[in-house]
């Protein structure tokens, strides 16, 4: 009956601008737009809904309660990392090797935490 996550929503002061950031930096496509809300779709079919935020964003730390990051799966870690670096993406850590997996944390266009991950073996 329950099939899994269809999308995850992110609130942004400028949904169109953040949607375009995901298009420009992470090769997402704008899949659907309705009343100023944008659905962006990754190559593997996962989606984010970007909605208009209200109020000021509180300060955030990596382990504050709630959803903490989006993990973006890549097949070529070094090429993806270099492409983001050349695009001026703000990295929050240096790349790490963990049990053969490679990852690095960065911030999206609104400051949400994201990380690239390349796994030797899929989790599933």
PDB file of N, CA and C in Angstrom:
ATOM      1  N   UNK A   1       0.817  -1.183   0.000  1.00  0.00           N
ATOM      2  CA  UNK A   1       0.000   0.000   0.000  1.00  0.00           C
ATOM      3  C   UNK A   1       0.872   1.263   0.000  1.00  0.00           C
ATOM      4  N   UNK A   2       1.849   1.368   0.917  1.00  0.00           N
ATOM      5  CA  UNK A   2       2.719   2.545   0.988  1.00  0.00           C
ATOM      6  C   UNK A   2       3.918   2.308   0.083  1.00  0.00           C
ATOM      7  N   UNK A   3       4.119   3.197  -0.862  1.00  0.00           N
ATOM      8  CA  UNK A   3       5.145   2.981  -1.881  1.00  0.00           C
ATOM      9  C   UNK A   3       6.443   3.738  -1.628  1.00  0.00           C
ATOM     10  N   UNK A   4       6.458   4.692  -0.709  1.00  0.00           N
ATOM     11  CA  UNK A   4       7.677   5.446  -0.433  1.00  0.00           C
ATOM     12  C   UNK A   4       7.460   6.935  -0.602  1.00  0.00           C
ATOM     13  N   UNK A   5       8.537   7.685  -0.497  1.00  0.00           N
ATOM     14  CA  UNK A   5       8.461   9.141  -0.624  1.00  0.00           C
ATOM     15  C   UNK A   5       8.207   9.531  -2.069  1.00  0.00           C
ATOM     16  N   UNK A   6       7.213  10.361  -2.281  1.00  0.00           N
ATOM     17  CA  UNK A   6       6.938  10.885  -3.620  1.00  0.00           C
ATOM     18  C   UNK A   6       7.726  12.172  -3.840  1.00  0.00           C
ATOM     19  N   UNK A   7       7.810  12.993  -2.796  1.00  0.00           N
ATOM     20  CA  UNK A   7       8.645  14.188  -2.851  1.00  0.00           C
ATOM     21  C   UNK A   7       8.893  14.696  -1.431  1.00  0.00           C
ATOM     22  N   UNK A   8       9.832  15.588  -1.307  1.00  0.00           N
ATOM     23  CA  UNK A   8      10.120  16.292  -0.062  1.00  0.00           C
ATOM     24  C   UNK A   8       9.999  17.774  -0.363  1.00  0.00           C
ATOM     25  N   UNK A   9       9.392  18.539   0.545  1.00  0.00           N
ATOM     26  CA  UNK A   9       9.193  19.972   0.309  1.00  0.00           C
ATOM     27  C   UNK A   9      10.248  20.794   1.042  1.00  0.00           C
ATOM     28  N   UNK A  10      10.681  21.851   0.382  1.00  0.00           N
ATOM     29  CA  UNK A  10      11.598  22.837   0.956  1.00  0.00           C
ATOM     30  C   UNK A  10      10.918  24.194   0.812  1.00  0.00           C
ATOM     31  N   UNK A  11      10.860  24.967   1.893  1.00  0.00           N
ATOM     32  CA  UNK A  11      10.304  26.321   1.841  1.00  0.00           C
ATOM     33  C   UNK A  11      11.437  27.307   1.532  1.00  0.00           C
ATOM     34  N   UNK A  12      11.188  28.200   0.596  1.00  0.00           N
ATOM     35  CA  UNK A  12      12.196  29.147   0.133  1.00  0.00           C
ATOM     36  C   UNK A  12      11.585  30.535  -0.012  1.00  0.00           C
ATOM     37  N   UNK A  13      12.354  31.593   0.269  1.00  0.00           N
ATOM     38  CA  UNK A  13      11.834  32.938   0.022  1.00  0.00           C
ATOM     39  C   UNK A  13      11.639  33.217  -1.471  1.00  0.00           C
ATOM     40  N   UNK A  14      12.316  32.459  -2.328  1.00  0.00           N
ATOM     41  CA  UNK A  14      12.193  32.633  -3.780  1.00  0.00           C
ATOM     42  C   UNK A  14      12.194  31.250  -4.436  1.00  0.00           C
ATOM     43  N   UNK A  15      11.029  30.571  -4.465  1.00  0.00           N
ATOM     44  CA  UNK A  15      10.969  29.204  -4.992  1.00  0.00           C
ATOM     45  C   UNK A  15      11.501  29.052  -6.416  1.00  0.00           C
ATOM     46  N   UNK A  16      11.202  30.008  -7.290  1.00  0.00           N
ATOM     47  CA  UNK A  16      11.682  29.895  -8.664  1.00  0.00           C
ATOM     48  C   UNK A  16      13.208  29.932  -8.721  1.00  0.00           C
ATOM     49  N   UNK A  17      13.800  30.821  -7.953  1.00  0.00           N
ATOM     50  CA  UNK A  17      15.266  30.945  -7.934  1.00  0.00           C
ATOM     51  C   UNK A  17      15.908  29.666  -7.390  1.00  0.00           C
ATOM     52  N   UNK A  18      15.363  29.107  -6.314  1.00  0.00           N
ATOM     53  CA  UNK A  18      15.943  27.881  -5.758  1.00  0.00           C
ATOM     54  C   UNK A  18      15.728  26.703  -6.708  1.00  0.00           C
ATOM     55  N   UNK A  19      14.557  26.629  -7.335  1.00  0.00           N
ATOM     56  CA  UNK A  19      14.326  25.570  -8.318  1.00  0.00           C
ATOM     57  C   UNK A  19      15.367  25.653  -9.434  1.00  0.00           C
ATOM     58  N   UNK A  20      15.625  26.849  -9.901  1.00  0.00           N
ATOM     59  CA  UNK A  20      16.618  27.028 -10.966  1.00  0.00           C
ATOM     60  C   UNK A  20      18.019  26.671 -10.476  1.00  0.00           C
ATOM     61  N   UNK A  21      18.310  26.907  -9.198  1.00  0.00           N
ATOM     62  CA  UNK A  21      19.613  26.513  -8.643  1.00  0.00           C
ATOM     63  C   UNK A  21      19.795  25.002  -8.769  1.00  0.00           C
ATOM     64  N   UNK A  22      18.754  24.233  -8.449  1.00  0.00           N
ATOM     65  CA  UNK A  22      18.840  22.774  -8.573  1.00  0.00           C
ATOM     66  C   UNK A  22      18.992  22.355 -10.037  1.00  0.00           C
ATOM     67  N   UNK A  23      18.369  23.070 -10.944  1.00  0.00           N
ATOM     68  CA  UNK A  23      18.533  22.806 -12.378  1.00  0.00           C
ATOM     69  C   UNK A  23      19.976  23.097 -12.798  1.00  0.00           C
ATOM     70  N   UNK A  24      20.467  24.265 -12.433  1.00  0.00           N
ATOM     71  CA  UNK A  24      21.790  24.712 -12.882  1.00  0.00           C
ATOM     72  C   UNK A  24      22.943  23.942 -12.247  1.00  0.00           C
ATOM     73  N   UNK A  25      22.805  23.532 -11.002  1.00  0.00           N
ATOM     74  CA  UNK A  25      23.929  22.925 -10.281  1.00  0.00           C
ATOM     75  C   UNK A  25      23.870  21.408 -10.168  1.00  0.00           C
ATOM     76  N   UNK A  26      22.669  20.841 -10.120  1.00  0.00           N
ATOM     77  CA  UNK A  26      22.551  19.402  -9.857  1.00  0.00           C
ATOM     78  C   UNK A  26      21.803  18.647 -10.951  1.00  0.00           C
ATOM     79  N   UNK A  27      21.610  19.296 -12.090  1.00  0.00           N
ATOM     80  CA  UNK A  27      21.006  18.660 -13.265  1.00  0.00           C
ATOM     81  C   UNK A  27      19.577  18.165 -13.040  1.00  0.00           C
ATOM     82  N   UNK A  28      18.845  18.800 -12.121  1.00  0.00           N
ATOM     83  CA  UNK A  28      17.419  18.524 -11.970  1.00  0.00           C
ATOM     84  C   UNK A  28      16.684  19.186 -13.136  1.00  0.00           C
ATOM     85  N   UNK A  29      15.423  18.836 -13.320  1.00  0.00           N
ATOM     86  CA  UNK A  29      14.571  19.531 -14.276  1.00  0.00           C
ATOM     87  C   UNK A  29      13.343  20.041 -13.530  1.00  0.00           C
ATOM     88  N   UNK A  30      12.820  21.155 -13.973  1.00  0.00           N
ATOM     89  CA  UNK A  30      11.558  21.634 -13.405  1.00  0.00           C
ATOM     90  C   UNK A  30      10.461  20.783 -14.026  1.00  0.00           C
ATOM     91  N   UNK A  31       9.824  20.005 -13.186  1.00  0.00           N
ATOM     92  CA  UNK A  31       8.850  19.008 -13.622  1.00  0.00           C
ATOM     93  C   UNK A  31       7.434  19.565 -13.665  1.00  0.00           C
ATOM     94  N   UNK A  32       7.145  20.527 -12.759  1.00  0.00           N
ATOM     95  CA  UNK A  32       5.785  21.039 -12.636  1.00  0.00           C
ATOM     96  C   UNK A  32       5.842  22.340 -11.854  1.00  0.00           C
ATOM     97  N   UNK A  33       4.989  23.296 -12.229  1.00  0.00           N
ATOM     98  CA  UNK A  33       4.877  24.565 -11.503  1.00  0.00           C
ATOM     99  C   UNK A  33       3.401  24.868 -11.335  1.00  0.00           C
ATOM    100  N   UNK A  34       3.023  25.244 -10.104  1.00  0.00           N
ATOM    101  CA  UNK A  34       1.631  25.583  -9.836  1.00  0.00           C
ATOM    102  C   UNK A  34       1.581  26.634  -8.739  1.00  0.00           C
ATOM    103  N   UNK A  35       0.992  27.771  -9.030  1.00  0.00           N
ATOM    104  CA  UNK A  35       0.804  28.846  -8.045  1.00  0.00           C
ATOM    105  C   UNK A  35       2.103  29.238  -7.346  1.00  0.00           C
ATOM    106  N   UNK A  36       3.208  29.267  -8.073  1.00  0.00           N
ATOM    107  CA  UNK A  36       4.485  29.681  -7.503  1.00  0.00           C
ATOM    108  C   UNK A  36       5.232  28.583  -6.769  1.00  0.00           C
ATOM    109  N   UNK A  37       4.706  27.370  -6.775  1.00  0.00           N
ATOM    110  CA  UNK A  37       5.409  26.212  -6.209  1.00  0.00           C
ATOM    111  C   UNK A  37       6.030  25.444  -7.362  1.00  0.00           C
ATOM    112  N   UNK A  38       7.228  24.939  -7.141  1.00  0.00           N
ATOM    113  CA  UNK A  38       7.965  24.247  -8.195  1.00  0.00           C
ATOM    114  C   UNK A  38       8.318  22.840  -7.742  1.00  0.00           C
ATOM    115  N   UNK A  39       8.099  21.877  -8.632  1.00  0.00           N
ATOM    116  CA  UNK A  39       8.580  20.520  -8.428  1.00  0.00           C
ATOM    117  C   UNK A  39       9.801  20.347  -9.329  1.00  0.00           C
ATOM    118  N   UNK A  40      10.921  19.969  -8.721  1.00  0.00           N
ATOM    119  CA  UNK A  40      12.126  19.686  -9.494  1.00  0.00           C
ATOM    120  C   UNK A  40      12.420  18.194  -9.374  1.00  0.00           C
ATOM    121  N   UNK A  41      12.846  17.616 -10.489  1.00  0.00           N
ATOM    122  CA  UNK A  41      13.017  16.170 -10.575  1.00  0.00           C
ATOM    123  C   UNK A  41      14.456  15.836 -10.921  1.00  0.00           C
ATOM    124  N   UNK A  42      15.033  14.900 -10.155  1.00  0.00           N
ATOM    125  CA  UNK A  42      16.380  14.413 -10.422  1.00  0.00           C
ATOM    126  C   UNK A  42      16.335  13.338 -11.505  1.00  0.00           C
ATOM    127  N   UNK A  43      17.485  13.013 -12.051  1.00  0.00           N
ATOM    128  CA  UNK A  43      17.572  12.013 -13.115  1.00  0.00           C
ATOM    129  C   UNK A  43      17.008  10.660 -12.689  1.00  0.00           C
ATOM    130  N   UNK A  44      17.104  10.325 -11.393  1.00  0.00           N
ATOM    131  CA  UNK A  44      16.597   9.015 -10.926  1.00  0.00           C
ATOM    132  C   UNK A  44      15.113   9.057 -10.557  1.00  0.00           C
ATOM    133  N   UNK A  45      14.448  10.198 -10.782  1.00  0.00           N
ATOM    134  CA  UNK A  45      13.013  10.299 -10.548  1.00  0.00           C
ATOM    135  C   UNK A  45      12.611  10.895  -9.209  1.00  0.00           C
ATOM    136  N   UNK A  46      13.546  11.074  -8.282  1.00  0.00           N
ATOM    137  CA  UNK A  46      13.182  11.682  -7.003  1.00  0.00           C
ATOM    138  C   UNK A  46      12.856  13.161  -7.217  1.00  0.00           C
ATOM    139  N   UNK A  47      11.955  13.684  -6.376  1.00  0.00           N
ATOM    140  CA  UNK A  47      11.511  15.065  -6.564  1.00  0.00           C
ATOM    141  C   UNK A  47      11.564  15.873  -5.271  1.00  0.00           C
ATOM    142  N   UNK A  48      11.761  17.170  -5.454  1.00  0.00           N
ATOM    143  CA  UNK A  48      11.623  18.164  -4.399  1.00  0.00           C
ATOM    144  C   UNK A  48      10.511  19.110  -4.816  1.00  0.00           C
ATOM    145  N   UNK A  49       9.692  19.500  -3.844  1.00  0.00           N
ATOM    146  CA  UNK A  49       8.724  20.568  -4.071  1.00  0.00           C
ATOM    147  C   UNK A  49       9.275  21.793  -3.363  1.00  0.00           C
ATOM    148  N   UNK A  50       9.364  22.895  -4.058  1.00  0.00           N
ATOM    149  CA  UNK A  50       9.876  24.128  -3.471  1.00  0.00           C
ATOM    150  C   UNK A  50       8.718  25.104  -3.371  1.00  0.00           C
ATOM    151  N   UNK A  51       8.383  25.451  -2.123  1.00  0.00           N
ATOM    152  CA  UNK A  51       7.232  26.296  -1.828  1.00  0.00           C
ATOM    153  C   UNK A  51       7.704  27.623  -1.244  1.00  0.00           C
ATOM    154  N   UNK A  52       6.838  28.613  -1.239  1.00  0.00           N
ATOM    155  CA  UNK A  52       7.165  29.927  -0.679  1.00  0.00           C
ATOM    156  C   UNK A  52       7.258  29.844   0.844  1.00  0.00           C
ATOM    157  N   UNK A  53       8.346  30.363   1.392  1.00  0.00           N
ATOM    158  CA  UNK A  53       8.518  30.381   2.847  1.00  0.00           C
ATOM    159  C   UNK A  53       7.860  31.623   3.433  1.00  0.00           C
ATOM    160  N   UNK A  54       7.665  31.581   4.743  1.00  0.00           N
ATOM    161  CA  UNK A  54       7.145  32.722   5.499  1.00  0.00           C
ATOM    162  C   UNK A  54       8.066  32.948   6.684  1.00  0.00           C
ATOM    163  N   UNK A  55       8.379  34.192   6.988  1.00  0.00           N
ATOM    164  CA  UNK A  55       9.208  34.507   8.140  1.00  0.00           C
ATOM    165  C   UNK A  55      10.685  34.362   7.850  1.00  0.00           C
ATOM    166  N   UNK A  56      11.466  34.551   8.910  1.00  0.00           N
ATOM    167  CA  UNK A  56      12.921  34.494   8.815  1.00  0.00           C
ATOM    168  C   UNK A  56      13.417  33.084   9.079  1.00  0.00           C
ATOM    169  N   UNK A  57      14.511  32.736   8.453  1.00  0.00           N
ATOM    170  CA  UNK A  57      15.126  31.436   8.652  1.00  0.00           C
ATOM    171  C   UNK A  57      15.962  31.462   9.930  1.00  0.00           C
ATOM    172  N   UNK A  58      15.736  30.506  10.847  1.00  0.00           N
ATOM    173  CA  UNK A  58      16.588  30.452  12.038  1.00  0.00           C
ATOM    174  C   UNK A  58      17.963  29.902  11.677  1.00  0.00           C
ATOM    175  N   UNK A  59      18.934  30.163  12.535  1.00  0.00           N
ATOM    176  CA  UNK A  59      20.267  29.580  12.344  1.00  0.00           C
ATOM    177  C   UNK A  59      20.133  28.060  12.384  1.00  0.00           C
ATOM    178  N   UNK A  60      21.001  27.372  11.674  1.00  0.00           N
ATOM    179  CA  UNK A  60      20.932  25.913  11.660  1.00  0.00           C
ATOM    180  C   UNK A  60      22.310  25.307  11.866  1.00  0.00           C
ATOM    181  N   UNK A  61      22.311  24.154  12.504  1.00  0.00           N
ATOM    182  CA  UNK A  61      23.522  23.358  12.677  1.00  0.00           C
ATOM    183  C   UNK A  61      23.242  21.974  12.109  1.00  0.00           C
ATOM    184  N   UNK A  62      24.294  21.260  11.806  1.00  0.00           N
ATOM    185  CA  UNK A  62      24.173  19.981  11.115  1.00  0.00           C
ATOM    186  C   UNK A  62      23.309  18.960  11.864  1.00  0.00           C
ATOM    187  N   UNK A  63      23.254  19.028  13.180  1.00  0.00           N
ATOM    188  CA  UNK A  63      22.495  18.016  13.923  1.00  0.00           C
ATOM    189  C   UNK A  63      21.318  18.590  14.698  1.00  0.00           C
ATOM    190  N   UNK A  64      20.802  19.755  14.260  1.00  0.00           N
ATOM    191  CA  UNK A  64      19.569  20.276  14.846  1.00  0.00           C
ATOM    192  C   UNK A  64      18.433  19.289  14.577  1.00  0.00           C
ATOM    193  N   UNK A  65      17.387  19.297  15.392  1.00  0.00           N
ATOM    194  CA  UNK A  65      16.254  18.408  15.136  1.00  0.00           C
ATOM    195  C   UNK A  65      15.621  18.677  13.766  1.00  0.00           C
ATOM    196  N   UNK A  66      15.064  17.639  13.190  1.00  0.00           N
ATOM    197  CA  UNK A  66      14.378  17.765  11.906  1.00  0.00           C
ATOM    198  C   UNK A  66      15.205  17.220  10.759  1.00  0.00           C
ATOM    199  N   UNK A  67      14.724  17.436   9.560  1.00  0.00           N
ATOM    200  CA  UNK A  67      15.450  16.985   8.377  1.00  0.00           C
ATOM    201  C   UNK A  67      16.727  17.797   8.262  1.00  0.00           C
ATOM    202  N   UNK A  68      17.862  17.143   8.128  1.00  0.00           N
ATOM    203  CA  UNK A  68      19.139  17.844   8.181  1.00  0.00           C
ATOM    204  C   UNK A  68      19.842  17.995   6.850  1.00  0.00           C
ATOM    205  N   UNK A  69      19.652  17.090   5.923  1.00  0.00           N
ATOM    206  CA  UNK A  69      20.302  17.264   4.625  1.00  0.00           C
ATOM    207  C   UNK A  69      19.616  16.420   3.563  1.00  0.00           C
ATOM    208  N   UNK A  70      19.907  16.777   2.332  1.00  0.00           N
ATOM    209  CA  UNK A  70      19.515  15.986   1.169  1.00  0.00           C
ATOM    210  C   UNK A  70      20.790  15.334   0.653  1.00  0.00           C
ATOM    211  N   UNK A  71      20.739  14.054   0.353  1.00  0.00           N
ATOM    212  CA  UNK A  71      21.899  13.353  -0.181  1.00  0.00           C
ATOM    213  C   UNK A  71      21.713  13.162  -1.683  1.00  0.00           C
ATOM    214  N   UNK A  72      22.673  13.637  -2.448  1.00  0.00           N
ATOM    215  CA  UNK A  72      22.631  13.546  -3.903  1.00  0.00           C
ATOM    216  C   UNK A  72      23.612  12.465  -4.344  1.00  0.00           C
ATOM    217  N   UNK A  73      23.093  11.391  -4.910  1.00  0.00           N
ATOM    218  CA  UNK A  73      23.898  10.268  -5.365  1.00  0.00           C
ATOM    219  C   UNK A  73      24.566  10.619  -6.689  1.00  0.00           C
ATOM    220  N   UNK A  74      25.868  10.365  -6.777  1.00  0.00           N
ATOM    221  CA  UNK A  74      26.615  10.617  -8.016  1.00  0.00           C
ATOM    222  C   UNK A  74      27.381   9.370  -8.416  1.00  0.00           C
ATOM    223  N   UNK A  75      27.622   9.237  -9.720  1.00  0.00           N
ATOM    224  CA  UNK A  75      28.414   8.096 -10.177  1.00  0.00           C
ATOM    225  C   UNK A  75      29.885   8.444 -10.339  1.00  0.00           C
ATOM    226  N   UNK A  76      30.241   9.730 -10.426  1.00  0.00           N
ATOM    227  CA  UNK A  76      31.634  10.168 -10.523  1.00  0.00           C
ATOM    228  C   UNK A  76      31.838  11.294  -9.506  1.00  0.00           C
ATOM    229  N   UNK A  77      32.277  10.923  -8.323  1.00  0.00           N
ATOM    230  CA  UNK A  77      32.399  11.879  -7.220  1.00  0.00           C
ATOM    231  C   UNK A  77      33.338  13.034  -7.579  1.00  0.00           C
ATOM    232  N   UNK A  78      34.520  12.724  -8.084  1.00  0.00           N
ATOM    233  CA  UNK A  78      35.507  13.770  -8.355  1.00  0.00           C
ATOM    234  C   UNK A  78      34.999  14.772  -9.386  1.00  0.00           C
ATOM    235  N   UNK A  79      34.367  14.279 -10.451  1.00  0.00           N
ATOM    236  CA  UNK A  79      33.854  15.183 -11.476  1.00  0.00           C
ATOM    237  C   UNK A  79      32.723  16.052 -10.931  1.00  0.00           C
ATOM    238  N   UNK A  80      31.816  15.464 -10.145  1.00  0.00           N
ATOM    239  CA  UNK A  80      30.705  16.233  -9.567  1.00  0.00           C
ATOM    240  C   UNK A  80      31.220  17.283  -8.589  1.00  0.00           C
ATOM    241  N   UNK A  81      32.162  16.895  -7.744  1.00  0.00           N
ATOM    242  CA  UNK A  81      32.745  17.826  -6.769  1.00  0.00           C
ATOM    243  C   UNK A  81      33.419  18.993  -7.493  1.00  0.00           C
ATOM    244  N   UNK A  82      34.185  18.691  -8.523  1.00  0.00           N
ATOM    245  CA  UNK A  82      34.881  19.740  -9.272  1.00  0.00           C
ATOM    246  C   UNK A  82      33.893  20.653  -9.996  1.00  0.00           C
ATOM    247  N   UNK A  83      32.846  20.106 -10.570  1.00  0.00           N
ATOM    248  CA  UNK A  83      31.841  20.922 -11.261  1.00  0.00           C
ATOM    249  C   UNK A  83      31.194  21.895 -10.290  1.00  0.00           C
ATOM    250  N   UNK A  84      30.841  21.437  -9.099  1.00  0.00           N
ATOM    251  CA  UNK A  84      30.235  22.317  -8.097  1.00  0.00           C
ATOM    252  C   UNK A  84      31.244  23.360  -7.612  1.00  0.00           C
ATOM    253  N   UNK A  85      32.489  22.947  -7.416  1.00  0.00           N
ATOM    254  CA  UNK A  85      33.525  23.891  -6.986  1.00  0.00           C
ATOM    255  C   UNK A  85      33.683  25.007  -8.015  1.00  0.00           C
ATOM    256  N   UNK A  86      33.748  24.637  -9.296  1.00  0.00           N
ATOM    257  CA  UNK A  86      33.882  25.640 -10.368  1.00  0.00           C
ATOM    258  C   UNK A  86      32.672  26.565 -10.430  1.00  0.00           C
ATOM    259  N   UNK A  87      31.503  26.057 -10.040  1.00  0.00           N
ATOM    260  CA  UNK A  87      30.281  26.874 -10.052  1.00  0.00           C
ATOM    261  C   UNK A  87      30.164  27.770  -8.818  1.00  0.00           C
ATOM    262  N   UNK A  88      31.147  27.694  -7.926  1.00  0.00           N
ATOM    263  CA  UNK A  88      31.150  28.572  -6.760  1.00  0.00           C
ATOM    264  C   UNK A  88      30.329  28.084  -5.581  1.00  0.00           C
ATOM    265  N   UNK A  89      30.010  26.800  -5.559  1.00  0.00           N
ATOM    266  CA  UNK A  89      29.231  26.240  -4.446  1.00  0.00           C
ATOM    267  C   UNK A  89      30.053  26.310  -3.161  1.00  0.00           C
ATOM    268  N   UNK A  90      29.386  26.669  -2.059  1.00  0.00           N
ATOM    269  CA  UNK A  90      30.025  26.780  -0.743  1.00  0.00           C
ATOM    270  C   UNK A  90      30.050  25.403  -0.069  1.00  0.00           C
ATOM    271  N   UNK A  91      31.238  24.820   0.047  1.00  0.00           N
ATOM    272  CA  UNK A  91      31.381  23.524   0.717  1.00  0.00           C
ATOM    273  C   UNK A  91      31.495  23.733   2.215  1.00  0.00           C
ATOM    274  N   UNK A  92      30.856  22.865   2.968  1.00  0.00           N
ATOM    275  CA  UNK A  92      30.842  22.958   4.426  1.00  0.00           C
ATOM    276  C   UNK A  92      31.840  22.007   5.065  1.00  0.00           C
ATOM    277  N   UNK A  93      32.444  21.155   4.255  1.00  0.00           N
ATOM    278  CA  UNK A  93      33.437  20.195   4.740  1.00  0.00           C
ATOM    279  C   UNK A  93      34.358  19.852   3.587  1.00  0.00           C
ATOM    280  N   UNK A  94      35.411  19.160   3.925  1.00  0.00           N
ATOM    281  CA  UNK A  94      36.279  18.578   2.913  1.00  0.00           C
ATOM    282  C   UNK A  94      35.714  17.209   2.544  1.00  0.00           C
ATOM    283  N   UNK A  95      36.010  16.706   1.350  1.00  0.00           N
ATOM    284  CA  UNK A  95      35.556  15.355   0.997  1.00  0.00           C
ATOM    285  C   UNK A  95      36.072  14.324   1.991  1.00  0.00           C
ATOM    286  N   UNK A  96      35.238  13.329   2.268  1.00  0.00           N
ATOM    287  CA  UNK A  96      35.552  12.283   3.240  1.00  0.00           C
ATOM    288  C   UNK A  96      35.399  10.926   2.568  1.00  0.00           C
ATOM    289  N   UNK A  97      36.291  10.004   2.911  1.00  0.00           N
ATOM    290  CA  UNK A  97      36.147   8.601   2.529  1.00  0.00           C
ATOM    291  C   UNK A  97      35.687   7.858   3.768  1.00  0.00           C
ATOM    292  N   UNK A  98      34.568   7.148   3.658  1.00  0.00           N
ATOM    293  CA  UNK A  98      34.012   6.421   4.793  1.00  0.00           C
ATOM    294  C   UNK A  98      33.616   5.028   4.311  1.00  0.00           C
ATOM    295  N   UNK A  99      34.389   4.032   4.697  1.00  0.00           N
ATOM    296  CA  UNK A  99      34.136   2.640   4.329  1.00  0.00           C
ATOM    297  C   UNK A  99      34.008   2.481   2.814  1.00  0.00           C
ATOM    298  N   UNK A 100      34.851   3.200   2.086  1.00  0.00           N
ATOM    299  CA  UNK A 100      34.831   3.123   0.635  1.00  0.00           C
ATOM    300  C   UNK A 100      33.855   4.074  -0.028  1.00  0.00           C
ATOM    301  N   UNK A 101      33.002   4.717   0.745  1.00  0.00           N
ATOM    302  CA  UNK A 101      32.054   5.696   0.223  1.00  0.00           C
ATOM    303  C   UNK A 101      32.701   7.074   0.284  1.00  0.00           C
ATOM    304  N   UNK A 102      32.365   7.944  -0.669  1.00  0.00           N
ATOM    305  CA  UNK A 102      32.908   9.299  -0.679  1.00  0.00           C
ATOM    306  C   UNK A 102      31.768  10.280  -0.508  1.00  0.00           C
ATOM    307  N   UNK A 103      31.987  11.309   0.304  1.00  0.00           N
ATOM    308  CA  UNK A 103      30.954  12.318   0.499  1.00  0.00           C
ATOM    309  C   UNK A 103      31.551  13.665   0.857  1.00  0.00           C
ATOM    310  N   UNK A 104      30.768  14.701   0.596  1.00  0.00           N
ATOM    311  CA  UNK A 104      31.128  16.070   0.954  1.00  0.00           C
ATOM    312  C   UNK A 104      29.830  16.849   1.156  1.00  0.00           C
ATOM    313  N   UNK A 105      29.827  17.720   2.158  1.00  0.00           N
ATOM    314  CA  UNK A 105      28.656  18.548   2.454  1.00  0.00           C
ATOM    315  C   UNK A 105      28.821  19.933   1.846  1.00  0.00           C
ATOM    316  N   UNK A 106      27.688  20.514   1.415  1.00  0.00           N
ATOM    317  CA  UNK A 106      27.672  21.867   0.873  1.00  0.00           C
ATOM    318  C   UNK A 106      26.298  22.472   1.126  1.00  0.00           C
ATOM    319  N   UNK A 107      26.123  23.724   0.743  1.00  0.00           N
ATOM    320  CA  UNK A 107      24.844  24.414   0.914  1.00  0.00           C
ATOM    321  C   UNK A 107      24.247  24.705  -0.459  1.00  0.00           C
ATOM    322  N   UNK A 108      22.914  24.561  -0.569  1.00  0.00           N
ATOM    323  CA  UNK A 108      22.249  24.931  -1.817  1.00  0.00           C
ATOM    324  C   UNK A 108      22.098  26.451  -1.882  1.00  0.00           C
ATOM    325  N   UNK A 109      21.380  26.952  -2.855  1.00  0.00           N
ATOM    326  CA  UNK A 109      21.233  28.390  -3.058  1.00  0.00           C
ATOM    327  C   UNK A 109      20.563  29.134  -1.916  1.00  0.00           C
ATOM    328  N   UNK A 110      19.830  28.428  -1.052  1.00  0.00           N
ATOM    329  CA  UNK A 110      19.193  29.036   0.117  1.00  0.00           C
ATOM    330  C   UNK A 110      19.915  28.697   1.417  1.00  0.00           C
ATOM    331  N   UNK A 111      20.972  27.907   1.352  1.00  0.00           N
ATOM    332  CA  UNK A 111      21.700  27.525   2.559  1.00  0.00           C
ATOM    333  C   UNK A 111      21.263  26.200   3.171  1.00  0.00           C
ATOM    334  N   UNK A 112      20.384  25.453   2.498  1.00  0.00           N
ATOM    335  CA  UNK A 112      20.001  24.124   2.987  1.00  0.00           C
ATOM    336  C   UNK A 112      21.178  23.174   2.831  1.00  0.00           C
ATOM    337  N   UNK A 113      21.340  22.272   3.788  1.00  0.00           N
ATOM    338  CA  UNK A 113      22.453  21.333   3.750  1.00  0.00           C
ATOM    339  C   UNK A 113      22.181  20.213   2.741  1.00  0.00           C
ATOM    340  N   UNK A 114      23.179  19.954   1.927  1.00  0.00           N
ATOM    341  CA  UNK A 114      23.130  18.919   0.898  1.00  0.00           C
ATOM    342  C   UNK A 114      24.463  18.196   0.942  1.00  0.00           C
ATOM    343  N   UNK A 115      24.477  16.937   0.544  1.00  0.00           N
ATOM    344  CA  UNK A 115      25.789  16.332   0.339  1.00  0.00           C
ATOM    345  C   UNK A 115      25.807  15.416  -0.854  1.00  0.00           C
ATOM    346  N   UNK A 116      26.969  15.399  -1.479  1.00  0.00           N
ATOM    347  CA  UNK A 116      27.220  14.455  -2.560  1.00  0.00           C
ATOM    348  C   UNK A 116      27.630  13.148  -1.912  1.00  0.00           C
ATOM    349  N   UNK A 117      27.187  12.057  -2.493  1.00  0.00           N
ATOM    350  CA  UNK A 117      27.607  10.754  -1.989  1.00  0.00           C
ATOM    351  C   UNK A 117      27.815   9.810  -3.168  1.00  0.00           C
ATOM    352  N   UNK A 118      28.915   9.099  -3.122  1.00  0.00           N
ATOM    353  CA  UNK A 118      29.180   8.014  -4.068  1.00  0.00           C
ATOM    354  C   UNK A 118      29.402   6.768  -3.222  1.00  0.00           C
ATOM    355  N   UNK A 119      28.605   5.746  -3.458  1.00  0.00           N
ATOM    356  CA  UNK A 119      28.686   4.514  -2.668  1.00  0.00           C
ATOM    357  C   UNK A 119      29.296   3.401  -3.505  1.00  0.00           C
ATOM    358  N   UNK A 120      30.159   2.635  -2.861  1.00  0.00           N
ATOM    359  CA  UNK A 120      30.708   1.441  -3.509  1.00  0.00           C
ATOM    360  C   UNK A 120      29.596   0.411  -3.733  1.00  0.00           C
ATOM    361  N   UNK A 121      28.700   0.346  -2.754  1.00  0.00           N
ATOM    362  CA  UNK A 121      27.607  -0.622  -2.799  1.00  0.00           C
ATOM    363  C   UNK A 121      26.321   0.087  -2.374  1.00  0.00           C
ATOM    364  N   UNK A 122      25.241  -0.026  -3.145  1.00  0.00           N
ATOM    365  CA  UNK A 122      23.991   0.640  -2.769  1.00  0.00           C
ATOM    366  C   UNK A 122      23.509   0.193  -1.387  1.00  0.00           C
ATOM    367  N   UNK A 123      22.794   1.081  -0.706  1.00  0.00           N
ATOM    368  CA  UNK A 123      22.251   0.747   0.619  1.00  0.00           C
ATOM    369  C   UNK A 123      21.168  -0.337   0.522  1.00  0.00           C
ATOM    370  N   UNK A 124      20.409  -0.325  -0.553  1.00  0.00           N
ATOM    371  CA  UNK A 124      19.297  -1.272  -0.691  1.00  0.00           C
ATOM    372  C   UNK A 124      19.760  -2.596  -1.252  1.00  0.00           C
TER     373      UNK A 124
END
